[in-house]
Amino acid sequence: MRSTLALIALALAASAPAASAKEPSDYAAALNDAQRPAADKERDAARHPAELLAFAEIDPGEKVGDYIMGGGYWTRLLATAVGPQGKVYAFQPDEFIAFRPAYADEQNAAVAGHANVAALRGPVSAPPFPEKLDTIITVQNLHDLYLGAFPPDTATKAIAALFDALKPGGTLVVVDHSAADGSGTTAANSIHRIDKAAAVAALTHAGFVVEAQSDLYKRPEDPRTANVFDPSIRGKTDQFALRLRKPN
């Protein structure tokens, strides 16, 4: 019996994901980068950047994609986190720029002054990453792939493209606004949220394996029924954070 229990314990240990060696303090230089705008720093209290970078296990020298980079908040942090030997590909979809031209200006501003950052543009379902990546981060964007303005297969194609863009063993980090349990992707268009279970189903269907989840952005007081842009909830939404791995 003792031998059997020992074997079971070894098997469980072997199947469990390795603990991250990263700590939020490892990213102090990224947070204190003098090039970061004051507006970015004001958002740090709610966005917990050091903790998310540690959860993502970003290392110096990595090749990282910032998928749907928005205003460049994460692009600037990643630029310092990967260091001069690393590379950040800041992807802004053509569709987003067509909808809001200021996204192009924000992309240019985020890239300026960072020699290790390259700006990329293209279809949301076909990001043109020029090399295989160690990590891809997408924050508050997965639900956008299910917007009614896009073809129904947009999410399937985009997630497959992210899977293909990673090296074997590479990681995808997803953060998004939580919708009500069981709502699937139906809230994406109306209130810009997605059910975590639906996100996991879509990502694992593409071949990703969930390695870790974080309660970093857990907000139990959010009923998950309001539009994320509603002033009563904006910046205080319940969100899930996932780290997924592309199998070797």
C-alpha atoms as a PDB file:
ATOM      1  CA  MET A   1       0.000   0.000   0.000  1.00  0.00           C
ATOM      2  CA  ARG A   2       2.792   2.390   0.953  1.00  0.00           C
ATOM      3  CA  SER A   3       4.549   1.679  -2.351  1.00  0.00           C
ATOM      4  CA  THR A   4       1.364   2.261  -4.318  1.00  0.00           C
ATOM      5  CA  LEU A   5       0.714   5.594  -2.592  1.00  0.00           C
ATOM      6  CA  ALA A   6       4.242   6.699  -3.324  1.00  0.00           C
ATOM      7  CA  LEU A   7       3.827   5.905  -7.005  1.00  0.00           C
ATOM      8  CA  ILE A   8       0.546   7.839  -7.135  1.00  0.00           C
ATOM      9  CA  ALA A   9       2.203  10.845  -5.485  1.00  0.00           C
ATOM     10  CA  LEU A  10       5.030  10.757  -8.012  1.00  0.00           C
ATOM     11  CA  ALA A  11       2.589  10.555 -10.903  1.00  0.00           C
ATOM     12  CA  LEU A  12       0.608  13.540  -9.637  1.00  0.00           C
ATOM     13  CA  ALA A  13       3.779  15.550  -9.155  1.00  0.00           C
ATOM     14  CA  ALA A  14       4.925  14.732 -12.676  1.00  0.00           C
ATOM     15  CA  SER A  15       1.606  15.785 -14.186  1.00  0.00           C
ATOM     16  CA  ALA A  16       1.339  19.072 -12.245  1.00  0.00           C
ATOM     17  CA  PRO A  17       2.634  22.246 -13.951  1.00  0.00           C
ATOM     18  CA  ALA A  18       5.947  23.490 -12.661  1.00  0.00           C
ATOM     19  CA  ALA A  19       5.718  26.350 -10.199  1.00  0.00           C
ATOM     20  CA  SER A  20       6.683  29.729 -11.623  1.00  0.00           C
ATOM     21  CA  ALA A  21      10.061  30.963 -10.493  1.00  0.00           C
ATOM     22  CA  LYS A  22       8.977  34.512 -11.275  1.00  0.00           C
ATOM     23  CA  GLU A  23       7.995  37.101  -8.685  1.00  0.00           C
ATOM     24  CA  PRO A  24       6.333  40.500  -9.219  1.00  0.00           C
ATOM     25  CA  SER A  25       9.502  42.147  -7.911  1.00  0.00           C
ATOM     26  CA  ASP A  26      11.354  40.780 -10.946  1.00  0.00           C
ATOM     27  CA  TYR A  27       9.532  43.369 -13.068  1.00  0.00           C
ATOM     28  CA  ALA A  28      10.275  46.495 -11.047  1.00  0.00           C
ATOM     29  CA  ALA A  29      12.380  47.915 -13.884  1.00  0.00           C
ATOM     30  CA  ALA A  30       9.486  47.535 -16.324  1.00  0.00           C
ATOM     31  CA  LEU A  31       7.093  49.394 -14.019  1.00  0.00           C
ATOM     32  CA  ASN A  32       9.632  52.130 -13.277  1.00  0.00           C
ATOM     33  CA  ASP A  33      10.665  52.672 -16.900  1.00  0.00           C
ATOM     34  CA  ALA A  34      10.973  56.436 -17.402  1.00  0.00           C
ATOM     35  CA  GLN A  35       9.424  56.137 -20.860  1.00  0.00           C
ATOM     36  CA  ARG A  36       6.092  54.947 -19.468  1.00  0.00           C
ATOM     37  CA  PRO A  37       3.422  57.659 -19.683  1.00  0.00           C
ATOM     38  CA  ALA A  38       1.894  58.925 -16.465  1.00  0.00           C
ATOM     39  CA  ALA A  39      -1.495  57.698 -17.685  1.00  0.00           C
ATOM     40  CA  ASP A  40      -0.129  54.138 -17.792  1.00  0.00           C
ATOM     41  CA  LYS A  41       1.235  54.360 -14.269  1.00  0.00           C
ATOM     42  CA  GLU A  42      -2.117  55.612 -12.990  1.00  0.00           C
ATOM     43  CA  ARG A  43      -3.694  52.368 -14.245  1.00  0.00           C
ATOM     44  CA  ASP A  44      -1.206  50.097 -12.490  1.00  0.00           C
ATOM     45  CA  ALA A  45      -3.222  49.807  -9.270  1.00  0.00           C
ATOM     46  CA  ALA A  46      -6.117  48.187 -11.115  1.00  0.00           C
ATOM     47  CA  ARG A  47      -4.161  46.259 -13.747  1.00  0.00           C
ATOM     48  CA  HIS A  48      -1.520  44.664 -11.460  1.00  0.00           C
ATOM     49  CA  PRO A  49       1.131  44.592 -14.207  1.00  0.00           C
ATOM     50  CA  ALA A  50       3.982  43.067 -12.203  1.00  0.00           C
ATOM     51  CA  GLU A  51       1.768  40.247 -11.008  1.00  0.00           C
ATOM     52  CA  LEU A  52       0.505  39.474 -14.509  1.00  0.00           C
ATOM     53  CA  LEU A  53       4.006  39.532 -15.999  1.00  0.00           C
ATOM     54  CA  ALA A  54       5.079  37.093 -13.284  1.00  0.00           C
ATOM     55  CA  PHE A  55       2.050  34.894 -14.031  1.00  0.00           C
ATOM     56  CA  ALA A  56       3.040  34.997 -17.720  1.00  0.00           C
ATOM     57  CA  GLU A  57       6.608  34.047 -16.717  1.00  0.00           C
ATOM     58  CA  ILE A  58       8.147  36.603 -19.077  1.00  0.00           C
ATOM     59  CA  ASP A  59      11.926  36.194 -19.311  1.00  0.00           C
ATOM     60  CA  PRO A  60      14.637  38.481 -20.715  1.00  0.00           C
ATOM     61  CA  GLY A  61      15.446  37.573 -24.298  1.00  0.00           C
ATOM     62  CA  GLU A  62      11.983  36.220 -25.116  1.00  0.00           C
ATOM     63  CA  LYS A  63      10.109  36.861 -28.353  1.00  0.00           C
ATOM     64  CA  VAL A  64       6.648  38.038 -27.321  1.00  0.00           C
ATOM     65  CA  GLY A  65       3.492  39.011 -29.159  1.00  0.00           C
ATOM     66  CA  ASP A  66       1.063  41.615 -27.804  1.00  0.00           C
ATOM     67  CA  TYR A  67      -2.076  40.544 -29.655  1.00  0.00           C
ATOM     68  CA  ILE A  68      -4.568  43.400 -30.110  1.00  0.00           C
ATOM     69  CA  MET A  69      -2.326  45.858 -28.315  1.00  0.00           C
ATOM     70  CA  GLY A  70      -4.876  48.639 -27.835  1.00  0.00           C
ATOM     71  CA  GLY A  71      -3.189  51.742 -26.473  1.00  0.00           C
ATOM     72  CA  GLY A  72       0.131  49.993 -25.860  1.00  0.00           C
ATOM     73  CA  TYR A  73       0.000  49.638 -22.072  1.00  0.00           C
ATOM     74  CA  TRP A  74       1.321  46.070 -22.137  1.00  0.00           C
ATOM     75  CA  THR A  75       3.614  46.692 -25.123  1.00  0.00           C
ATOM     76  CA  ARG A  76       5.661  49.212 -23.172  1.00  0.00           C
ATOM     77  CA  LEU A  77       5.931  46.944 -20.138  1.00  0.00           C
ATOM     78  CA  LEU A  78       6.936  43.950 -22.235  1.00  0.00           C
ATOM     79  CA  ALA A  79       9.604  45.966 -24.044  1.00  0.00           C
ATOM     80  CA  THR A  80      11.499  46.445 -20.791  1.00  0.00           C
ATOM     81  CA  ALA A  81      10.697  42.998 -19.418  1.00  0.00           C
ATOM     82  CA  VAL A  82      12.240  41.132 -22.374  1.00  0.00           C
ATOM     83  CA  GLY A  83      15.235  43.468 -22.498  1.00  0.00           C
ATOM     84  CA  PRO A  84      17.436  44.450 -25.441  1.00  0.00           C
ATOM     85  CA  GLN A  85      18.004  40.826 -26.481  1.00  0.00           C
ATOM     86  CA  GLY A  86      14.264  40.184 -26.654  1.00  0.00           C
ATOM     87  CA  LYS A  87      11.621  41.267 -29.136  1.00  0.00           C
ATOM     88  CA  VAL A  88       8.028  42.467 -28.809  1.00  0.00           C
ATOM     89  CA  TYR A  89       5.626  42.357 -31.733  1.00  0.00           C
ATOM     90  CA  ALA A  90       2.809  44.837 -31.096  1.00  0.00           C
ATOM     91  CA  PHE A  91      -0.150  43.794 -33.230  1.00  0.00           C
ATOM     92  CA  GLN A  92      -2.995  46.184 -34.042  1.00  0.00           C
ATOM     93  CA  PRO A  93      -5.740  44.729 -36.265  1.00  0.00           C
ATOM     94  CA  ASP A  94      -6.654  46.509 -39.483  1.00  0.00           C
ATOM     95  CA  GLU A  95     -10.317  46.254 -38.504  1.00  0.00           C
ATOM     96  CA  PHE A  96      -9.740  48.126 -35.254  1.00  0.00           C
ATOM     97  CA  ILE A  97      -7.839  50.921 -36.980  1.00  0.00           C
ATOM     98  CA  ALA A  98     -10.602  51.236 -39.563  1.00  0.00           C
ATOM     99  CA  PHE A  99     -13.145  51.554 -36.743  1.00  0.00           C
ATOM    100  CA  ARG A 100     -11.020  53.973 -34.692  1.00  0.00           C
ATOM    101  CA  PRO A 101      -8.076  55.571 -36.548  1.00  0.00           C
ATOM    102  CA  ALA A 102      -6.517  56.731 -33.269  1.00  0.00           C
ATOM    103  CA  TYR A 103      -5.405  53.126 -32.713  1.00  0.00           C
ATOM    104  CA  ALA A 104      -2.762  53.677 -35.405  1.00  0.00           C
ATOM    105  CA  ASP A 105      -1.418  56.743 -33.610  1.00  0.00           C
ATOM    106  CA  GLU A 106      -1.377  54.885 -30.298  1.00  0.00           C
ATOM    107  CA  GLN A 107       0.522  52.016 -31.876  1.00  0.00           C
ATOM    108  CA  ASN A 108       3.132  54.398 -33.256  1.00  0.00           C
ATOM    109  CA  ALA A 109       3.493  56.078 -29.863  1.00  0.00           C
ATOM    110  CA  ALA A 110       3.933  52.755 -28.056  1.00  0.00           C
ATOM    111  CA  VAL A 111       6.654  51.610 -30.440  1.00  0.00           C
ATOM    112  CA  ALA A 112       8.562  54.896 -30.477  1.00  0.00           C
ATOM    113  CA  GLY A 113      11.758  54.818 -28.447  1.00  0.00           C
ATOM    114  CA  HIS A 114      11.827  51.035 -28.112  1.00  0.00           C
ATOM    115  CA  ALA A 115      14.346  49.461 -30.472  1.00  0.00           C
ATOM    116  CA  ASN A 116      13.176  45.973 -29.549  1.00  0.00           C
ATOM    117  CA  VAL A 117       9.511  46.575 -30.469  1.00  0.00           C
ATOM    118  CA  ALA A 118       8.059  46.120 -33.949  1.00  0.00           C
ATOM    119  CA  ALA A 119       4.617  47.333 -34.986  1.00  0.00           C
ATOM    120  CA  LEU A 120       2.479  44.823 -36.885  1.00  0.00           C
ATOM    121  CA  ARG A 121      -0.851  45.303 -38.645  1.00  0.00           C
ATOM    122  CA  GLY A 122      -3.071  42.888 -40.506  1.00  0.00           C
ATOM    123  CA  PRO A 123      -6.413  41.069 -40.304  1.00  0.00           C
ATOM    124  CA  VAL A 124      -7.517  40.248 -36.762  1.00  0.00           C
ATOM    125  CA  SER A 125      -7.710  36.561 -37.702  1.00  0.00           C
ATOM    126  CA  ALA A 126      -4.258  36.473 -39.333  1.00  0.00           C
ATOM    127  CA  PRO A 127      -1.659  38.383 -37.290  1.00  0.00           C
ATOM    128  CA  PRO A 128       1.563  38.431 -39.369  1.00  0.00           C
ATOM    129  CA  PHE A 129       4.088  37.490 -36.691  1.00  0.00           C
ATOM    130  CA  PRO A 130       7.388  37.053 -38.598  1.00  0.00           C
ATOM    131  CA  GLU A 131       8.908  34.397 -36.330  1.00  0.00           C
ATOM    132  CA  LYS A 132       7.832  31.805 -33.795  1.00  0.00           C
ATOM    133  CA  LEU A 133       7.151  33.300 -30.372  1.00  0.00           C
ATOM    134  CA  ASP A 134       7.828  32.241 -26.798  1.00  0.00           C
ATOM    135  CA  THR A 135       4.749  33.969 -25.416  1.00  0.00           C
ATOM    136  CA  ILE A 136       1.646  35.772 -26.650  1.00  0.00           C
ATOM    137  CA  ILE A 137      -0.376  38.011 -24.355  1.00  0.00           C
ATOM    138  CA  THR A 138      -3.879  39.263 -25.100  1.00  0.00           C
ATOM    139  CA  VAL A 139      -5.680  41.307 -22.475  1.00  0.00           C
ATOM    140  CA  GLN A 140      -9.426  42.027 -22.611  1.00  0.00           C
ATOM    141  CA  ASN A 141      -9.586  41.081 -26.276  1.00  0.00           C
ATOM    142  CA  LEU A 142     -10.655  37.479 -26.721  1.00  0.00           C
ATOM    143  CA  HIS A 143     -14.339  38.431 -26.619  1.00  0.00           C
ATOM    144  CA  ASP A 144     -13.741  40.829 -29.530  1.00  0.00           C
ATOM    145  CA  LEU A 145     -13.262  37.846 -31.822  1.00  0.00           C
ATOM    146  CA  TYR A 146     -16.977  37.104 -31.348  1.00  0.00           C
ATOM    147  CA  LEU A 147     -18.288  40.574 -32.219  1.00  0.00           C
ATOM    148  CA  GLY A 148     -21.155  40.577 -34.678  1.00  0.00           C
ATOM    149  CA  ALA A 149     -19.215  42.757 -37.122  1.00  0.00           C
ATOM    150  CA  PHE A 150     -16.804  39.887 -37.799  1.00  0.00           C
ATOM    151  CA  PRO A 151     -17.449  36.725 -39.844  1.00  0.00           C
ATOM    152  CA  PRO A 152     -18.639  33.802 -37.672  1.00  0.00           C
ATOM    153  CA  ASP A 153     -15.365  31.900 -38.092  1.00  0.00           C
ATOM    154  CA  THR A 154     -13.151  34.783 -36.943  1.00  0.00           C
ATOM    155  CA  ALA A 155     -12.466  33.376 -33.479  1.00  0.00           C
ATOM    156  CA  THR A 156     -11.640  29.904 -34.788  1.00  0.00           C
ATOM    157  CA  LYS A 157      -9.188  31.306 -37.329  1.00  0.00           C
ATOM    158  CA  ALA A 158      -7.590  33.780 -34.933  1.00  0.00           C
ATOM    159  CA  ILE A 159      -7.031  31.250 -32.151  1.00  0.00           C
ATOM    160  CA  ALA A 160      -5.552  28.796 -34.657  1.00  0.00           C
ATOM    161  CA  ALA A 161      -3.220  31.563 -35.867  1.00  0.00           C
ATOM    162  CA  LEU A 162      -2.049  32.240 -32.309  1.00  0.00           C
ATOM    163  CA  PHE A 163      -1.423  28.546 -31.756  1.00  0.00           C
ATOM    164  CA  ASP A 164       0.616  28.376 -34.969  1.00  0.00           C
ATOM    165  CA  ALA A 165       2.582  31.523 -34.077  1.00  0.00           C
ATOM    166  CA  LEU A 166       3.995  29.993 -30.892  1.00  0.00           C
ATOM    167  CA  LYS A 167       7.012  27.772 -30.589  1.00  0.00           C
ATOM    168  CA  PRO A 168       6.310  24.250 -29.326  1.00  0.00           C
ATOM    169  CA  GLY A 169       6.057  24.673 -25.567  1.00  0.00           C
ATOM    170  CA  GLY A 170       5.188  28.366 -25.932  1.00  0.00           C
ATOM    171  CA  THR A 171       2.528  30.037 -23.827  1.00  0.00           C
ATOM    172  CA  LEU A 172      -0.594  32.082 -24.434  1.00  0.00           C
ATOM    173  CA  VAL A 173      -1.819  34.355 -21.641  1.00  0.00           C
ATOM    174  CA  VAL A 174      -5.460  35.449 -21.851  1.00  0.00           C
ATOM    175  CA  VAL A 175      -7.227  37.963 -19.636  1.00  0.00           C
ATOM    176  CA  ASP A 176     -10.834  38.934 -20.293  1.00  0.00           C
ATOM    177  CA  HIS A 177     -14.031  40.257 -18.744  1.00  0.00           C
ATOM    178  CA  SER A 178     -16.155  37.480 -17.253  1.00  0.00           C
ATOM    179  CA  ALA A 179     -19.727  36.963 -18.440  1.00  0.00           C
ATOM    180  CA  ALA A 180     -22.381  35.074 -16.524  1.00  0.00           C
ATOM    181  CA  ASP A 181     -21.795  31.341 -16.197  1.00  0.00           C
ATOM    182  CA  GLY A 182     -23.366  29.433 -19.059  1.00  0.00           C
ATOM    183  CA  SER A 183     -23.710  32.466 -21.331  1.00  0.00           C
ATOM    184  CA  GLY A 184     -21.047  31.249 -23.754  1.00  0.00           C
ATOM    185  CA  THR A 185     -20.038  33.957 -26.214  1.00  0.00           C
ATOM    186  CA  THR A 186     -23.459  35.607 -26.420  1.00  0.00           C
ATOM    187  CA  ALA A 187     -22.448  38.583 -24.254  1.00  0.00           C
ATOM    188  CA  ALA A 188     -19.476  39.535 -26.419  1.00  0.00           C
ATOM    189  CA  ASN A 189     -21.349  41.855 -28.720  1.00  0.00           C
ATOM    190  CA  SER A 190     -23.732  43.407 -26.198  1.00  0.00           C
ATOM    191  CA  ILE A 191     -21.647  43.909 -23.048  1.00  0.00           C
ATOM    192  CA  HIS A 192     -18.119  42.927 -24.168  1.00  0.00           C
ATOM    193  CA  ARG A 193     -17.713  39.876 -21.965  1.00  0.00           C
ATOM    194  CA  ILE A 194     -17.179  36.151 -22.430  1.00  0.00           C
ATOM    195  CA  ASP A 195     -17.906  33.165 -20.197  1.00  0.00           C
ATOM    196  CA  LYS A 196     -14.625  31.673 -19.005  1.00  0.00           C
ATOM    197  CA  ALA A 197     -15.851  28.152 -19.786  1.00  0.00           C
ATOM    198  CA  ALA A 198     -16.524  29.165 -23.398  1.00  0.00           C
ATOM    199  CA  ALA A 199     -13.064  30.714 -23.665  1.00  0.00           C
ATOM    200  CA  VAL A 200     -11.406  27.580 -22.306  1.00  0.00           C
ATOM    201  CA  ALA A 201     -13.426  25.389 -24.671  1.00  0.00           C
ATOM    202  CA  ALA A 202     -12.400  27.418 -27.721  1.00  0.00           C
ATOM    203  CA  LEU A 203      -8.738  27.561 -26.732  1.00  0.00           C
ATOM    204  CA  THR A 204      -8.381  23.895 -25.853  1.00  0.00           C
ATOM    205  CA  HIS A 205     -10.237  22.908 -29.034  1.00  0.00           C
ATOM    206  CA  ALA A 206      -7.411  24.628 -30.936  1.00  0.00           C
ATOM    207  CA  GLY A 207      -4.845  22.481 -29.110  1.00  0.00           C
ATOM    208  CA  PHE A 208      -3.874  24.625 -26.139  1.00  0.00           C
ATOM    209  CA  VAL A 209      -3.570  23.069 -22.692  1.00  0.00           C
ATOM    210  CA  VAL A 210      -4.596  25.108 -19.643  1.00  0.00           C
ATOM    211  CA  GLU A 211      -1.556  25.264 -17.391  1.00  0.00           C
ATOM    212  CA  ALA A 212      -2.632  27.772 -14.750  1.00  0.00           C
ATOM    213  CA  GLN A 213      -5.416  30.151 -13.756  1.00  0.00           C
ATOM    214  CA  SER A 214      -5.183  33.258 -11.622  1.00  0.00           C
ATOM    215  CA  ASP A 215      -7.690  35.113  -9.440  1.00  0.00           C
ATOM    216  CA  LEU A 216      -5.675  38.299  -9.833  1.00  0.00           C
ATOM    217  CA  TYR A 217      -8.658  40.143 -11.297  1.00  0.00           C
ATOM    218  CA  LYS A 218     -11.417  38.335  -9.417  1.00  0.00           C
ATOM    219  CA  ARG A 219     -14.176  40.757  -8.402  1.00  0.00           C
ATOM    220  CA  PRO A 220     -17.030  38.787  -6.740  1.00  0.00           C
ATOM    221  CA  GLU A 221     -19.123  41.936  -6.377  1.00  0.00           C
ATOM    222  CA  ASP A 222     -19.451  42.273 -10.164  1.00  0.00           C
ATOM    223  CA  PRO A 223     -22.756  40.664 -11.248  1.00  0.00           C
ATOM    224  CA  ARG A 224     -21.180  40.167 -14.715  1.00  0.00           C
ATOM    225  CA  THR A 225     -24.295  41.537 -16.433  1.00  0.00           C
ATOM    226  CA  ALA A 226     -23.301  45.179 -17.063  1.00  0.00           C
ATOM    227  CA  ASN A 227     -21.488  46.527 -20.103  1.00  0.00           C
ATOM    228  CA  VAL A 228     -17.798  46.835 -19.244  1.00  0.00           C
ATOM    229  CA  PHE A 229     -17.891  50.472 -20.403  1.00  0.00           C
ATOM    230  CA  ASP A 230     -20.697  51.348 -17.981  1.00  0.00           C
ATOM    231  CA  PRO A 231     -19.273  53.987 -15.586  1.00  0.00           C
ATOM    232  CA  SER A 232     -20.603  52.018 -12.627  1.00  0.00           C
ATOM    233  CA  ILE A 233     -18.378  49.025 -13.389  1.00  0.00           C
ATOM    234  CA  ARG A 234     -15.636  50.238 -15.721  1.00  0.00           C
ATOM    235  CA  GLY A 235     -12.238  49.329 -14.337  1.00  0.00           C
ATOM    236  CA  LYS A 236     -13.831  47.106 -11.687  1.00  0.00           C
ATOM    237  CA  THR A 237     -15.063  44.133 -13.711  1.00  0.00           C
ATOM    238  CA  ASP A 238     -14.608  40.519 -12.719  1.00  0.00           C
ATOM    239  CA  GLN A 239     -11.978  39.050 -15.045  1.00  0.00           C
ATOM    240  CA  PHE A 240     -10.331  35.689 -15.537  1.00  0.00           C
ATOM    241  CA  ALA A 241      -6.670  35.096 -16.310  1.00  0.00           C
ATOM    242  CA  LEU A 242      -5.412  31.938 -18.011  1.00  0.00           C
ATOM    243  CA  ARG A 243      -1.985  30.662 -18.950  1.00  0.00           C
ATOM    244  CA  LEU A 244      -2.134  28.057 -21.690  1.00  0.00           C
ATOM    245  CA  ARG A 245       0.647  26.089 -23.301  1.00  0.00           C
ATOM    246  CA  LYS A 246       1.191  24.794 -26.802  1.00  0.00           C
ATOM    247  CA  PRO A 247       2.321  21.181 -26.338  1.00  0.00           C
ATOM    248  CA  ASN A 248       5.859  20.285 -27.339  1.00  0.00           C
END
